[in-house]
PDB file of N, CA and C in Angstrom:
ATOM      1  N   MET A   1      43.268  55.987 -87.950  1.00  0.00           N
ATOM      2  CA  MET A   1      43.098  55.300 -87.018  1.00  0.00           C
ATOM      3  C   MET A   1      43.323  56.077 -85.769  1.00  0.00           C
ATOM      4  N   LYS A   2      44.203  57.881 -85.749  1.00  0.00           N
ATOM      5  CA  LYS A   2      43.780  58.001 -84.069  1.00  0.00           C
ATOM      6  C   LYS A   2      42.184  58.756 -83.967  1.00  0.00           C
ATOM      7  N   THR A   3      41.363  58.457 -84.620  1.00  0.00           N
ATOM      8  CA  THR A   3      39.981  58.537 -84.741  1.00  0.00           C
ATOM      9  C   THR A   3      39.949  57.581 -84.222  1.00  0.00           C
ATOM     10  N   ILE A   4      40.307  56.525 -84.392  1.00  0.00           N
ATOM     11  CA  ILE A   4      40.015  55.142 -83.631  1.00  0.00           C
ATOM     12  C   ILE A   4      39.676  54.664 -82.648  1.00  0.00           C
ATOM     13  N   LEU A   5      41.533  54.946 -81.721  1.00  0.00           N
ATOM     14  CA  LEU A   5      41.724  55.348 -81.310  1.00  0.00           C
ATOM     15  C   LEU A   5      41.316  56.113 -79.235  1.00  0.00           C
ATOM     16  N   PHE A   6      41.054  56.803 -80.268  1.00  0.00           N
ATOM     17  CA  PHE A   6      40.088  58.789 -79.638  1.00  0.00           C
ATOM     18  C   PHE A   6      38.939  57.642 -79.115  1.00  0.00           C
ATOM     19  N   SER A   7      38.016  57.713 -79.795  1.00  0.00           N
ATOM     20  CA  SER A   7      36.527  56.827 -79.321  1.00  0.00           C
ATOM     21  C   SER A   7      36.667  56.040 -79.305  1.00  0.00           C
ATOM     22  N   GLN A   8      37.810  54.751 -78.930  1.00  0.00           N
ATOM     23  CA  GLN A   8      37.806  54.040 -77.679  1.00  0.00           C
ATOM     24  C   GLN A   8      38.723  53.566 -76.217  1.00  0.00           C
ATOM     25  N   LYS A   9      39.342  55.128 -76.361  1.00  0.00           N
ATOM     26  CA  LYS A   9      39.764  55.543 -74.882  1.00  0.00           C
ATOM     27  C   LYS A   9      38.570  55.520 -73.835  1.00  0.00           C
ATOM     28  N   PRO A  10      37.368  56.625 -74.125  1.00  0.00           N
ATOM     29  CA  PRO A  10      36.595  56.773 -73.443  1.00  0.00           C
ATOM     30  C   PRO A  10      35.497  55.384 -72.974  1.00  0.00           C
ATOM     31  N   ASN A  11      35.482  54.760 -74.592  1.00  0.00           N
ATOM     32  CA  ASN A  11      35.146  53.156 -73.577  1.00  0.00           C
ATOM     33  C   ASN A  11      35.507  52.536 -72.615  1.00  0.00           C
ATOM     34  N   CYS A  12      36.913  52.959 -72.921  1.00  0.00           N
ATOM     35  CA  CYS A  12      37.775  52.235 -71.934  1.00  0.00           C
ATOM     36  C   CYS A  12      37.510  52.661 -70.651  1.00  0.00           C
ATOM     37  N   LEU A  13      37.106  53.938 -70.728  1.00  0.00           N
ATOM     38  CA  LEU A  13      37.428  54.944 -69.303  1.00  0.00           C
ATOM     39  C   LEU A  13      35.978  54.299 -68.883  1.00  0.00           C
ATOM     40  N   LYS A  14      34.933  54.039 -69.207  1.00  0.00           N
ATOM     41  CA  LYS A  14      33.590  53.907 -68.962  1.00  0.00           C
ATOM     42  C   LYS A  14      33.392  52.620 -68.490  1.00  0.00           C
ATOM     43  N   GLN A  15      34.261  51.341 -69.101  1.00  0.00           N
ATOM     44  CA  GLN A  15      34.406  50.209 -68.755  1.00  0.00           C
ATOM     45  C   GLN A  15      35.034  49.880 -66.616  1.00  0.00           C
ATOM     46  N   ASP A  16      35.842  50.834 -67.239  1.00  0.00           N
ATOM     47  CA  ASP A  16      36.579  50.890 -65.797  1.00  0.00           C
ATOM     48  C   ASP A  16      35.665  51.600 -64.894  1.00  0.00           C
ATOM     49  N   GLN A  17      35.051  52.643 -64.826  1.00  0.00           N
ATOM     50  CA  GLN A  17      34.612  53.258 -63.591  1.00  0.00           C
ATOM     51  C   GLN A  17      32.709  52.207 -63.234  1.00  0.00           C
ATOM     52  N   PHE A  18      32.662  51.609 -64.463  1.00  0.00           N
ATOM     53  CA  PHE A  18      31.414  50.457 -64.341  1.00  0.00           C
ATOM     54  C   PHE A  18      31.622  49.003 -63.629  1.00  0.00           C
ATOM     55  N   ILE A  19      32.362  49.264 -63.506  1.00  0.00           N
ATOM     56  CA  ILE A  19      33.371  47.578 -62.958  1.00  0.00           C
ATOM     57  C   ILE A  19      33.617  48.298 -61.439  1.00  0.00           C
ATOM     58  N   HIS A  20      34.545  49.410 -60.903  1.00  0.00           N
ATOM     59  CA  HIS A  20      35.030  50.298 -60.546  1.00  0.00           C
ATOM     60  C   HIS A  20      33.677  50.414 -59.160  1.00  0.00           C
ATOM     61  N   ALA A  21      32.172  50.837 -60.143  1.00  0.00           N
ATOM     62  CA  ALA A  21      30.867  51.463 -59.128  1.00  0.00           C
ATOM     63  C   ALA A  21      30.380  49.729 -58.120  1.00  0.00           C
ATOM     64  N   PHE A  22      30.221  48.266 -59.446  1.00  0.00           N
ATOM     65  CA  PHE A  22      30.199  47.613 -58.970  1.00  0.00           C
ATOM     66  C   PHE A  22      30.434  46.960 -58.006  1.00  0.00           C
ATOM     67  N   GLN A  23      32.356  47.196 -57.923  1.00  0.00           N
ATOM     68  CA  GLN A  23      32.558  46.723 -56.711  1.00  0.00           C
ATOM     69  C   GLN A  23      32.103  47.557 -55.060  1.00  0.00           C
ATOM     70  N   GLU A  24      32.509  48.210 -55.676  1.00  0.00           N
ATOM     71  CA  GLU A  24      32.105  49.457 -53.916  1.00  0.00           C
ATOM     72  C   GLU A  24      30.230  49.210 -53.783  1.00  0.00           C
ATOM     73  N   ILE A  25      29.603  48.873 -54.456  1.00  0.00           N
ATOM     74  CA  ILE A  25      28.483  48.346 -54.488  1.00  0.00           C
ATOM     75  C   ILE A  25      27.943  46.821 -53.786  1.00  0.00           C
ATOM     76  N   ARG A  26      28.863  45.929 -53.980  1.00  0.00           N
ATOM     77  CA  ARG A  26      28.842  44.729 -54.128  1.00  0.00           C
ATOM     78  C   ARG A  26      29.428  45.076 -52.646  1.00  0.00           C
ATOM     79  N   ARG A  27      31.017  45.708 -51.735  1.00  0.00           N
ATOM     80  CA  ARG A  27      31.239  46.281 -50.829  1.00  0.00           C
ATOM     81  C   ARG A  27      30.354  46.786 -49.976  1.00  0.00           C
ATOM     82  N   ALA A  28      29.622  47.164 -50.242  1.00  0.00           N
ATOM     83  CA  ALA A  28      28.098  48.399 -49.772  1.00  0.00           C
ATOM     84  C   ALA A  28      27.125  47.264 -49.321  1.00  0.00           C
ATOM     85  N   SER A  29      26.888  46.463 -49.956  1.00  0.00           N
ATOM     86  CA  SER A  29      26.067  45.448 -49.709  1.00  0.00           C
ATOM     87  C   SER A  29      26.590  44.525 -48.517  1.00  0.00           C
ATOM     88  N   ARG A  30      27.816  44.102 -49.001  1.00  0.00           N
ATOM     89  CA  ARG A  30      28.166  43.512 -47.373  1.00  0.00           C
ATOM     90  C   ARG A  30      28.465  43.797 -46.750  1.00  0.00           C
ATOM     91  N   ARG A  31      28.743  45.133 -46.134  1.00  0.00           N
ATOM     92  CA  ARG A  31      28.231  45.877 -45.423  1.00  0.00           C
ATOM     93  C   ARG A  31      26.992  46.059 -44.091  1.00  0.00           C
ATOM     94  N   SER A  32      26.474  46.204 -44.834  1.00  0.00           N
ATOM     95  CA  SER A  32      25.353  45.992 -45.131  1.00  0.00           C
ATOM     96  C   SER A  32      24.625  44.809 -43.975  1.00  0.00           C
ATOM     97  N   LYS A  33      25.225  43.464 -45.120  1.00  0.00           N
ATOM     98  CA  LYS A  33      24.742  42.119 -44.923  1.00  0.00           C
ATOM     99  C   LYS A  33      25.360  42.189 -43.062  1.00  0.00           C
ATOM    100  N   THR A  34      26.518  42.293 -43.264  1.00  0.00           N
ATOM    101  CA  THR A  34      26.790  41.729 -41.524  1.00  0.00           C
ATOM    102  C   THR A  34      26.726  42.892 -40.087  1.00  0.00           C
ATOM    103  N   THR A  35      25.709  44.138 -40.361  1.00  0.00           N
ATOM    104  CA  THR A  35      25.919  44.706 -39.818  1.00  0.00           C
ATOM    105  C   THR A  35      24.365  44.645 -39.241  1.00  0.00           C
TER     106      THR A  35
END
């Protein structure tokens, strides 16, 4: 059980980072469009 939870944690972190990066890219593209 412990090993399964431990292996799932990094995956969640990776997904969170990916979502955050995607939002940043969208924000950057929006900024470049307005200027």
